[in-house]
Amino acid sequence: MPYLGEIAALATALCWLGSSLAFAVASRQAGAQSLNQFRLYAALPMLASLSLFATGAAWPVEAGWQRLSMLAASGLVGLVLGDFGYFHALATVGPRLASVIMALWPVCTVGLDAICGDAPTRGQAAGVALTIAGVTLVLARSRGGAWRPELTRRQWALGVAGGLLGAAGQAAGFVMARSAMLPAADAPAGLDPLLATIVRMAAATAGMQVVVSAQGRPFAMRQVWSTRRSAGTAWVGALFGPVLGVWMSMVAGAHARDAGVAAALMSTTPVFMLPVAVWLYGTRVSAVAVFGTFLTVAGVAVCFILGG
C-alpha cells in the first residue's frame, strides 16, 4: 500500500490525541497515580495478545539479561516516572498544554545524546531552538483557561513541571530502549519493538505496584472505578495509547520511506489538539499560542528530518 508508513504515522498522532483526551478526563477524577497503575495493568495483556498475533511470541525468550535489564530500566524511567508527570500535567493544565510540553521530548533526547558524547548536528540545534521557542510562546499565553480556570499559579506551575518531567522521562526511556533494541549476539537482527515494549510495560507494572504499595495504596487503581465516566475514559485511553498508538508507531517505523518524516508526522498531536480543545471544552486559544504550537511541531520536524 503506497504511503502506508506515513498514513500510520498520522494515525499514531491521532491515537495519542485520543489517549491524551481520555486520560485527561480520567486523571482529573481518579488521580495521576491511580490512572498510571490502571493503565499499565490494562495495557499489558492487550499488548501481549497483539504481539502474539503479530510476531508469534508474547515475550522475547532469546533476549539476554543485559538487554532485558536495560529495557526494564527504560520502562521504569519512562512509563512510571515520566508518565506520572505527564498524567499530572493532563489533570492540571489540560491535554492541549500537556501535549505541547511533551513535544519537548526530542529536545531532551538530543540533550541526553550530547551528554553521552554524541554532539548535536546543526539541524538538531536549530530544531531544539525552534521547539523551545514554540513551547515558551504557548506557555506564556496559556495560564489558566477553560480546562481548570480555578488553578492557582503554584498549581499551574506544578502542572507544567509534571509535563517537563514527562518529556524528560519519555526521552530517557527512548534512549535506553533504543540502545537495548540494537543487534547483538542474542538477537542478531535486533529486538522487535513490540516485544521490547512488552518488557518495558511489564517492568513498569511491577515498579508501579511497588510504589503504590510503599505508599499504603496497593490497589490505588480502584479509584478509577469510582465513577463510570473515569472507568470508561481510562479504558479508552489504554486502548488508544499504549496499544493502538504503539502498534501504529511501529507500522510507521517499518514502512515509512523516510523515518524522519514519519517521526515528524507522529509529533503533530498538539496541532490536532487545537480545534478539539476549542470544541470540547471551549478554551480560548490566542493567535500567539497557535503560532507557538505550530512552531513547536516545526522544531520537532527539523530535529528529526534535518538532524540526521
Protein backbone atom coordinates (compact mmCIF):
# COMPACT_ATOMS: atom_id res chain seq x y z
CA MET A 1 0.00 0.00 0.00
CA PRO A 2 1.52 3.36 -1.04
CA TYR A 3 2.37 5.71 1.85
CA LEU A 4 1.43 3.08 4.43
CA GLY A 5 4.13 4.31 6.80
CA GLU A 6 3.09 7.95 6.50
CA ILE A 7 -0.58 7.09 7.00
CA ALA A 8 0.31 5.03 10.06
CA ALA A 9 2.35 7.96 11.43
CA LEU A 10 -0.66 10.26 11.19
CA ALA A 11 -2.80 7.53 12.75
CA THR A 12 -0.31 7.42 15.62
CA ALA A 13 -0.71 11.15 16.21
CA LEU A 14 -4.50 10.72 16.26
CA CYS A 15 -4.19 7.81 18.69
CA TRP A 16 -2.08 9.98 21.02
CA LEU A 17 -4.76 12.66 20.67
CA GLY A 18 -7.49 10.23 21.73
CA SER A 19 -5.48 8.80 24.61
CA SER A 20 -4.49 12.25 25.89
CA LEU A 21 -8.10 13.45 25.96
CA ALA A 22 -9.33 10.25 27.61
CA PHE A 23 -6.54 10.13 30.20
CA ALA A 24 -7.02 13.82 30.98
CA VAL A 25 -10.63 13.23 31.98
CA ALA A 26 -9.82 10.06 33.91
CA SER A 27 -6.83 11.52 35.77
CA ARG A 28 -8.76 14.63 36.77
CA GLN A 29 -11.30 12.39 38.51
CA ALA A 30 -9.17 9.47 39.72
CA GLY A 31 -5.71 10.98 40.17
CA ALA A 32 -2.46 10.50 38.26
CA GLN A 33 -1.11 7.65 40.41
CA SER A 34 -4.31 5.60 40.24
CA LEU A 35 -4.60 6.07 36.50
CA ASN A 36 -0.98 5.18 35.85
CA GLN A 37 -1.35 1.91 37.75
CA PHE A 38 -4.60 1.06 35.97
CA ARG A 39 -3.20 1.94 32.55
CA LEU A 40 -0.24 -0.41 32.98
CA TYR A 41 -2.32 -3.37 34.14
CA ALA A 42 -4.86 -2.78 31.38
CA ALA A 43 -2.34 -2.36 28.56
CA LEU A 44 -0.02 -5.29 29.33
CA PRO A 45 -2.39 -8.16 28.39
CA MET A 46 -3.63 -6.26 25.33
CA LEU A 47 -0.05 -5.71 24.15
CA ALA A 48 0.85 -9.36 24.80
CA SER A 49 -2.14 -10.51 22.75
CA LEU A 50 -1.22 -8.11 19.94
CA SER A 51 2.39 -9.32 19.97
CA LEU A 52 1.31 -12.96 19.93
CA PHE A 53 -0.81 -12.22 16.87
CA ALA A 54 1.80 -10.10 15.07
CA THR A 55 5.05 -11.88 15.96
CA GLY A 56 4.01 -15.29 17.27
CA ALA A 57 5.52 -14.58 20.68
CA ALA A 58 4.45 -12.68 23.78
CA TRP A 59 7.93 -12.39 25.34
CA PRO A 60 11.49 -12.16 23.92
CA VAL A 61 12.65 -15.51 25.28
CA GLU A 62 16.00 -15.32 23.47
CA ALA A 63 16.90 -11.89 24.85
CA GLY A 64 19.87 -11.80 27.21
CA TRP A 65 19.86 -10.48 30.76
CA GLN A 66 21.73 -7.28 29.86
CA ARG A 67 19.21 -6.38 27.17
CA LEU A 68 16.25 -7.16 29.43
CA SER A 69 17.76 -5.11 32.27
CA MET A 70 18.15 -2.07 30.02
CA LEU A 71 14.57 -2.40 28.79
CA ALA A 72 13.31 -2.77 32.35
CA ALA A 73 15.15 0.38 33.41
CA SER A 74 13.70 2.13 30.36
CA GLY A 75 10.20 1.13 31.43
CA LEU A 76 10.69 2.34 34.99
CA VAL A 77 12.01 5.72 33.90
CA GLY A 78 9.65 6.34 31.00
CA LEU A 79 6.42 4.60 31.99
CA VAL A 80 6.45 5.06 35.77
CA LEU A 81 8.28 8.30 36.50
CA GLY A 82 7.73 10.04 33.16
CA ASP A 83 4.08 9.09 32.75
CA PHE A 84 3.28 10.05 36.33
CA GLY A 85 4.45 13.56 35.48
CA TYR A 86 2.54 13.52 32.20
CA PHE A 87 -0.72 12.38 33.80
CA HIS A 88 -0.34 15.07 36.46
CA ALA A 89 0.03 17.62 33.67
CA LEU A 90 -3.05 16.25 31.89
CA ALA A 91 -5.11 16.58 35.06
CA THR A 92 -3.95 20.11 35.92
CA VAL A 93 -3.04 22.14 32.83
CA GLY A 94 -5.11 20.01 30.44
CA PRO A 95 -4.41 17.92 27.33
CA ARG A 96 -3.63 20.84 25.00
CA LEU A 97 -0.81 22.29 27.08
CA ALA A 98 0.39 18.86 28.20
CA SER A 99 0.75 17.68 24.59
CA VAL A 100 2.71 20.81 23.66
CA ILE A 101 5.08 20.40 26.62
CA MET A 102 5.54 16.71 25.80
CA ALA A 103 6.75 17.78 22.35
CA LEU A 104 9.96 18.73 24.15
CA TRP A 105 10.98 15.08 24.40
CA PRO A 106 13.09 15.21 21.19
CA VAL A 107 14.94 18.17 22.71
CA CYS A 108 15.61 16.09 25.82
CA THR A 109 16.76 13.20 23.62
CA VAL A 110 19.25 15.43 21.84
CA GLY A 111 20.48 16.63 25.24
CA LEU A 112 20.93 13.08 26.53
CA ASP A 113 22.77 12.07 23.36
CA ALA A 114 25.05 15.08 23.82
CA ILE A 115 25.79 14.02 27.42
CA CYS A 116 26.71 10.58 26.07
CA GLY A 117 29.20 12.19 23.68
CA ASP A 118 27.09 12.46 20.51
CA ALA A 119 27.28 16.17 19.66
CA PRO A 120 24.12 17.60 18.03
CA THR A 121 24.16 18.48 14.36
CA ARG A 122 23.26 21.95 13.12
CA GLY A 123 19.84 20.68 12.12
CA GLN A 124 19.23 19.29 15.59
CA ALA A 125 20.40 22.52 17.21
CA ALA A 126 18.02 24.52 15.01
CA GLY A 127 15.17 22.16 15.82
CA VAL A 128 15.86 22.40 19.55
CA ALA A 129 15.80 26.20 19.39
CA LEU A 130 12.53 26.27 17.44
CA THR A 131 10.85 23.76 19.75
CA ILE A 132 11.86 25.57 22.93
CA ALA A 133 10.74 28.90 21.46
CA GLY A 134 7.37 27.43 20.46
CA VAL A 135 6.69 25.87 23.86
CA THR A 136 7.72 29.10 25.60
CA LEU A 137 5.26 31.10 23.49
CA VAL A 138 2.43 28.68 24.25
CA LEU A 139 3.09 28.69 27.99
CA ALA A 140 3.40 32.48 28.10
CA ARG A 141 -0.14 32.86 26.76
CA SER A 142 -1.89 29.88 28.30
CA ARG A 143 -2.06 30.10 32.09
CA GLY A 144 -5.50 29.21 33.42
CA GLY A 145 -8.06 28.62 30.70
CA ALA A 146 -11.22 26.60 30.34
CA TRP A 147 -9.75 23.29 31.46
CA ARG A 148 -9.05 24.28 35.09
CA PRO A 149 -9.78 28.02 35.45
CA GLU A 150 -9.55 27.77 39.26
CA LEU A 151 -5.87 26.78 39.26
CA THR A 152 -3.54 28.86 41.39
CA ARG A 153 -0.20 29.99 39.99
CA ARG A 154 1.56 27.29 42.05
CA GLN A 155 -0.76 24.53 40.82
CA TRP A 156 -0.28 25.66 37.23
CA ALA A 157 3.50 25.68 37.68
CA LEU A 158 3.41 22.18 39.17
CA GLY A 159 1.35 21.00 36.21
CA VAL A 160 3.91 22.43 33.79
CA ALA A 161 6.68 20.78 35.83
CA GLY A 162 4.83 17.49 35.52
CA GLY A 163 4.80 17.87 31.74
CA LEU A 164 8.52 18.60 31.73
CA LEU A 165 9.12 15.51 33.85
CA GLY A 166 7.04 13.52 31.38
CA ALA A 167 9.09 14.77 28.42
CA ALA A 168 12.38 14.03 30.19
CA GLY A 169 11.18 10.57 31.23
CA GLN A 170 10.00 9.71 27.74
CA ALA A 171 13.32 10.84 26.25
CA ALA A 172 15.39 8.86 28.76
CA GLY A 173 13.23 5.79 28.24
CA PHE A 174 13.54 6.15 24.47
CA VAL A 175 17.33 6.44 24.59
CA MET A 176 17.67 3.35 26.79
CA ALA A 177 15.16 1.33 24.75
CA ARG A 178 16.87 2.31 21.50
CA SER A 179 20.16 1.02 22.85
CA ALA A 180 18.54 -2.19 24.13
CA MET A 181 17.00 -3.00 20.73
CA LEU A 182 20.29 -2.85 18.81
CA PRO A 183 21.60 -6.06 17.18
CA ALA A 184 23.71 -8.25 19.48
CA ALA A 185 24.60 -11.92 19.94
CA ASP A 186 21.23 -12.79 21.49
CA ALA A 187 19.31 -11.03 18.70
CA PRO A 188 21.47 -10.57 15.56
CA ALA A 189 18.72 -8.64 13.76
CA GLY A 190 17.85 -6.53 16.78
CA LEU A 191 14.90 -6.90 19.13
CA ASP A 192 11.38 -6.49 17.78
CA PRO A 193 9.94 -3.16 19.04
CA LEU A 194 6.68 -4.77 20.13
CA LEU A 195 8.47 -7.37 22.25
CA ALA A 196 10.67 -4.62 23.69
CA THR A 197 7.55 -2.66 24.60
CA ILE A 198 6.15 -5.65 26.48
CA VAL A 199 9.31 -5.92 28.59
CA ARG A 200 9.16 -2.21 29.35
CA MET A 201 5.47 -2.42 30.25
CA ALA A 202 5.97 -5.48 32.48
CA ALA A 203 8.82 -3.78 34.38
CA ALA A 204 6.78 -0.60 34.73
CA THR A 205 3.78 -2.54 36.05
CA ALA A 206 5.92 -4.21 38.72
CA GLY A 207 7.62 -0.92 39.56
CA MET A 208 4.35 0.95 39.91
CA GLN A 209 2.98 -1.79 42.15
CA VAL A 210 5.98 -1.37 44.44
CA VAL A 211 5.48 2.41 44.55
CA VAL A 212 1.78 2.35 45.43
CA SER A 213 2.29 -0.48 47.93
CA ALA A 214 5.01 1.54 49.67
CA GLN A 215 2.53 4.40 49.87
CA GLY A 216 0.00 2.14 51.54
CA ARG A 217 -2.24 2.14 48.44
CA PRO A 218 -1.60 -1.25 46.76
CA PHE A 219 -4.94 -1.07 44.97
CA ALA A 220 -4.85 2.62 44.09
CA MET A 221 -6.29 1.90 40.66
CA ARG A 222 -9.65 1.09 42.28
CA GLN A 223 -10.17 4.86 42.30
CA VAL A 224 -10.52 4.66 38.52
CA TRP A 225 -13.79 2.74 39.05
CA SER A 226 -15.17 5.40 41.39
CA THR A 227 -17.33 6.70 38.54
CA ARG A 228 -18.50 5.19 35.28
CA ARG A 229 -17.01 8.12 33.38
CA SER A 230 -13.49 7.74 34.77
CA ALA A 231 -13.53 3.96 34.18
CA GLY A 232 -14.77 4.32 30.61
CA THR A 233 -12.30 7.04 29.64
CA ALA A 234 -9.42 5.12 31.28
CA TRP A 235 -10.16 2.06 29.13
CA VAL A 236 -10.39 4.23 26.01
CA GLY A 237 -7.06 5.86 26.86
CA ALA A 238 -5.39 2.48 27.42
CA LEU A 239 -6.66 1.22 24.07
CA PHE A 240 -5.65 4.24 22.03
CA GLY A 241 -2.37 4.98 23.82
CA PRO A 242 -0.11 2.05 24.72
CA VAL A 243 -1.89 -0.42 22.40
CA LEU A 244 -3.08 1.13 19.12
CA GLY A 245 -0.69 4.06 19.35
CA VAL A 246 2.31 1.78 19.87
CA TRP A 247 1.18 -0.53 17.07
CA MET A 248 0.70 2.32 14.56
CA SER A 249 4.06 3.84 15.51
CA MET A 250 5.74 0.51 14.76
CA VAL A 251 3.98 0.24 11.40
CA ALA A 252 5.15 3.77 10.63
CA GLY A 253 8.73 2.96 11.57
CA ALA A 254 8.74 -0.21 9.49
CA HIS A 255 7.09 1.11 6.31
CA ALA A 256 7.78 4.86 6.09
CA ARG A 257 10.13 5.78 3.25
CA ASP A 258 11.80 8.36 5.50
CA ALA A 259 12.00 7.72 9.23
CA GLY A 260 12.41 11.44 9.93
CA VAL A 261 9.20 12.31 8.11
CA ALA A 262 7.34 9.58 9.99
CA ALA A 263 8.63 10.82 13.35
CA ALA A 264 7.66 14.39 12.49
CA LEU A 265 4.14 13.31 11.48
CA MET A 266 3.78 11.38 14.75
CA SER A 267 4.58 14.61 16.62
CA THR A 268 1.63 16.57 15.18
CA THR A 269 -0.70 15.73 18.08
CA PRO A 270 -0.55 19.31 19.50
CA VAL A 271 -1.80 20.68 16.17
CA PHE A 272 -4.76 18.28 16.09
CA MET A 273 -5.42 19.17 19.71
CA LEU A 274 -6.10 22.87 18.96
CA PRO A 275 -9.56 22.59 17.33
CA VAL A 276 -10.53 19.74 19.66
CA ALA A 277 -9.72 21.86 22.73
CA VAL A 278 -11.85 24.72 21.41
CA TRP A 279 -14.73 22.42 20.52
CA LEU A 280 -14.77 20.12 23.55
CA TYR A 281 -14.13 22.44 26.47
CA GLY A 282 -14.41 25.91 24.99
CA THR A 283 -10.84 27.04 25.54
CA ARG A 284 -9.78 30.34 24.03
CA VAL A 285 -6.56 29.93 22.08
CA SER A 286 -4.71 33.13 21.19
CA ALA A 287 -3.04 33.64 17.84
CA VAL A 288 0.33 33.63 19.63
CA ALA A 289 -0.44 30.25 21.23
CA VAL A 290 -1.48 28.83 17.85
CA PHE A 291 1.74 30.11 16.29
CA GLY A 292 3.72 28.69 19.19
CA THR A 293 2.10 25.27 18.72
CA PHE A 294 2.97 25.16 15.02
CA LEU A 295 6.47 26.41 15.81
CA THR A 296 6.89 23.60 18.35
CA VAL A 297 5.87 20.93 15.84
CA ALA A 298 8.07 22.55 13.18
CA GLY A 299 11.01 22.36 15.57
CA VAL A 300 10.38 18.66 16.15
CA ALA A 301 10.24 18.11 12.38
CA VAL A 302 13.55 19.91 11.92
CA CYS A 303 15.12 17.81 14.69
CA PHE A 304 14.11 14.57 13.03
CA ILE A 305 14.35 15.42 9.32
CA LEU A 306 17.39 17.72 9.20
CA GLY A 307 19.09 16.38 12.30
CA GLY A 308 20.50 13.28 10.70
